[in-house]
Protein backbone atom coordinates (compact mmCIF):
# COMPACT_ATOMS: atom_id res chain seq x y z
CA MET A 1 107.91 106.55 22.79
CA PRO A 2 109.21 106.33 26.52
CA THR A 3 106.72 107.29 29.25
CA SER A 4 107.31 108.56 32.61
CA LYS A 5 106.21 105.12 33.85
CA ASP A 6 109.53 103.70 31.99
CA PRO A 7 112.30 102.71 33.76
CA LYS A 8 115.49 104.52 33.45
CA PRO A 9 117.92 102.71 31.50
CA ALA A 10 120.64 101.21 33.63
CA SER A 11 123.94 102.68 33.50
CA LYS A 12 126.81 101.00 31.76
CA ASP A 13 128.91 101.97 34.88
CA PRO A 14 127.22 102.85 37.99
CA LYS A 15 129.20 104.33 40.75
CA PRO A 16 130.29 101.90 43.39
CA THR A 17 128.50 102.17 46.30
CA GLY A 18 131.65 101.67 48.41
CA TYR A 19 135.38 100.54 48.19
CA LEU A 20 137.03 97.31 49.85
CA ASP A 21 140.40 97.26 50.93
CA LEU A 22 141.87 93.68 51.37
CA GLY A 23 145.60 94.94 50.89
CA ASP A 24 146.75 93.04 53.83
CA GLY A 25 145.72 89.87 52.33
CA GLY A 26 147.28 90.47 49.05
CA ILE A 27 144.19 91.22 47.13
CA ARG A 28 144.24 94.38 44.75
CA GLY A 29 141.05 95.40 43.17
CA GLU A 30 140.60 97.95 40.04
CA SER A 31 138.79 101.20 41.43
CA LYS A 32 139.79 104.16 39.51
CA ASP A 33 138.70 106.58 42.24
CA ALA A 34 141.89 108.66 43.08
CA ASP A 35 141.38 108.08 46.46
CA HIS A 36 140.99 104.21 46.45
CA LYS A 37 143.19 103.23 44.07
CA GLN A 38 143.76 99.25 44.11
CA TRP A 39 140.48 99.16 46.41
CA ILE A 40 137.78 96.61 45.17
CA GLU A 41 134.67 98.50 44.18
CA VAL A 42 131.54 97.37 46.04
CA ARG A 43 127.99 97.71 44.54
CA ALA A 44 126.49 96.91 47.49
CA TYR A 45 127.02 95.43 51.30
CA GLY A 46 125.48 94.36 54.20
CA TYR A 47 126.56 92.57 57.69
CA GLY A 48 125.01 90.73 60.50
CA PRO A 49 125.08 87.73 62.51
CA GLY A 50 125.81 84.29 60.87
CA GLY A 51 126.52 80.87 61.21
CA ARG A 52 129.55 78.88 62.92
CA SER A 53 132.82 80.03 61.51
CA ALA A 54 136.51 79.45 62.76
CA VAL A 55 136.98 83.53 63.41
CA GLY A 56 134.19 83.81 65.43
CA THR A 57 134.85 80.87 67.63
CA ILE A 58 138.48 80.38 67.98
CA LYS A 59 138.66 83.17 70.76
CA SER A 60 135.08 83.72 72.12
CA GLY A 61 133.76 79.94 72.08
CA ARG A 62 130.33 80.95 70.34
CA ASN A 63 128.41 79.44 67.86
CA VAL A 64 127.42 82.73 65.84
CA THR A 65 130.00 84.96 64.09
CA THR A 66 129.34 88.33 62.44
CA SER A 67 129.69 88.46 58.84
CA MET A 68 129.72 91.06 55.99
CA THR A 69 128.35 90.31 52.37
CA VAL A 70 130.04 92.54 49.88
CA PHE A 71 128.78 92.64 46.31
CA VAL A 72 131.36 93.21 43.34
CA PRO A 73 131.18 93.21 39.54
CA THR A 74 131.74 89.57 37.96
CA GLY A 75 134.72 89.70 36.26
CA ASP A 76 136.55 91.87 38.30
CA GLN A 77 140.04 90.72 38.69
CA THR A 78 139.54 89.95 42.43
CA SER A 79 137.19 87.29 41.84
CA PRO A 80 139.67 84.47 41.49
CA VAL A 81 141.64 85.64 44.14
CA PHE A 82 138.35 85.84 46.54
CA MET A 83 137.71 82.26 45.45
CA ALA A 84 141.43 81.29 46.45
CA TYR A 85 141.01 82.76 49.62
CA HIS A 86 137.74 80.88 50.09
CA LEU A 87 140.31 78.01 51.23
CA GLY A 88 140.52 79.79 54.94
CA THR A 89 143.33 82.45 54.52
CA ILE A 90 143.11 84.64 57.25
CA ILE A 91 143.41 88.50 56.33
CA PRO A 92 144.68 90.35 59.27
CA LYS A 93 142.81 93.78 58.16
CA ALA A 94 140.40 95.03 55.92
CA ALA A 95 138.59 98.48 55.26
CA LEU A 96 135.21 99.39 53.57
CA GLU A 97 134.45 103.04 52.71
CA VAL A 98 130.89 103.81 51.84
CA MET A 99 130.58 106.84 49.73
CA ILE A 100 127.45 109.20 49.29
CA ASP A 101 126.94 111.98 46.68
CA GLU A 102 126.93 115.46 48.82
CA GLY A 103 127.00 118.44 46.82
CA GLY A 104 128.17 117.07 43.43
CA GLU A 105 131.13 115.74 45.17
CA ARG A 106 131.57 111.93 46.58
CA THR A 107 132.56 112.10 50.21
CA ARG A 108 133.04 108.76 52.76
CA SER A 109 129.90 108.55 55.02
CA VAL A 110 131.01 105.41 56.55
CA ARG A 111 134.16 103.53 57.40
CA ILE A 112 134.04 100.00 58.82
CA ASP A 113 137.57 98.42 59.71
CA LEU A 114 137.62 94.40 60.20
CA LYS A 115 140.10 92.32 61.81
CA ASN A 116 141.00 88.62 60.87
CA VAL A 117 139.05 88.03 58.13
CA THR A 118 138.26 84.99 56.40
CA VAL A 119 135.99 84.57 52.99
CA SER A 120 133.54 82.13 54.10
CA GLY A 121 131.27 82.39 51.11
CA TRP A 122 130.44 83.07 47.26
CA GLN A 123 127.55 83.26 45.20
CA SER A 124 127.39 84.72 41.46
CA SER A 125 124.12 86.03 40.03
CA ARG A 126 123.13 88.62 37.47
CA GLY A 127 126.47 89.94 36.57
CA ARG A 128 127.60 90.34 40.15
CA ASP A 129 129.68 88.09 42.68
CA ALA A 130 128.39 88.10 46.51
CA TYR A 131 131.10 87.39 49.11
CA THR A 132 130.67 86.54 52.71
CA LEU A 133 133.47 87.93 54.65
CA ASP A 134 133.82 86.60 58.29
CA PHE A 135 135.74 88.54 61.02
CA SER A 136 136.81 88.74 64.56
CA SER A 137 136.29 92.44 65.18
CA MET A 138 134.92 95.61 63.25
CA SER A 139 135.15 99.08 64.27
CA GLN A 140 132.68 101.33 62.67
CA THR A 141 133.04 105.39 62.00
CA VAL A 142 130.27 107.34 60.48
CA GLY A 143 131.24 110.56 58.92
CA PRO A 144 133.77 112.22 56.79
CA PRO A 145 137.79 111.90 57.68
CA GLN A 146 138.37 114.37 60.41
CA SER A 147 140.61 115.88 58.20
CA GLU A 148 137.78 116.81 55.81
CA MET A 149 135.52 118.42 58.65
CA PRO A 150 135.73 122.23 59.56
CA GLU A 151 137.64 122.88 63.07
CA SER A 152 133.96 123.59 64.88
CA SER A 153 132.68 120.41 63.95
CA PHE A 154 132.40 117.30 66.49
CA PRO A 155 134.45 114.39 65.43
CA PRO A 156 132.84 111.45 63.59
CA ASP A 157 130.99 108.89 65.60
CA ARG A 158 132.91 105.57 66.35
CA ALA A 159 131.96 102.26 67.93
CA MET A 160 133.92 98.85 68.20
CA TYR A 161 132.66 95.82 68.39
CA ASP A 162 134.80 92.53 69.43
CA LEU A 163 133.06 89.30 69.29
CA SER A 164 135.07 88.08 72.42
CA VAL A 165 134.06 90.87 74.75
CA GLY A 166 131.18 92.99 73.32
CA LEU A 167 130.61 96.34 72.30
CA ASP A 168 133.02 99.16 73.30
CA ARG A 169 132.63 102.72 72.06
CA GLY A 170 135.83 104.27 71.45
CA TYR A 171 135.80 107.98 72.36
């Protein structure tokens, strides 16, 4: 008999944390979300400084690059394509949209746009693959798209970071 201390059974198809668009690189995902058709479903993500990368060192001459790690379900049709791109192909543009549940509806909370993306790493564990993406610049927008906001609202916050020039707020 289940008790309150028993963990909840894992959902067979949990909602993705977000969606990754690598369409500029020819990588199509399996998303069934109406607003993210052919995007890659992302279960988790994170980003921060990493080691040496061609993307981060060509323009800036630095030894450190900023990387993003995305976790996608193992067996997704994109897995072999990601692995092929691990050979150093540069994807001109990518976008990650992070979703939250708000009043029973899913809405975008953050959008991260990346430029000059390369797949620099891959790991597989416990039913999901982790891919490390290096990039030369990123732009982060916090809040829903402007089209979904009431007229009286302030526009979403936006910050841009280019590895070659530093932090620049895009207002």
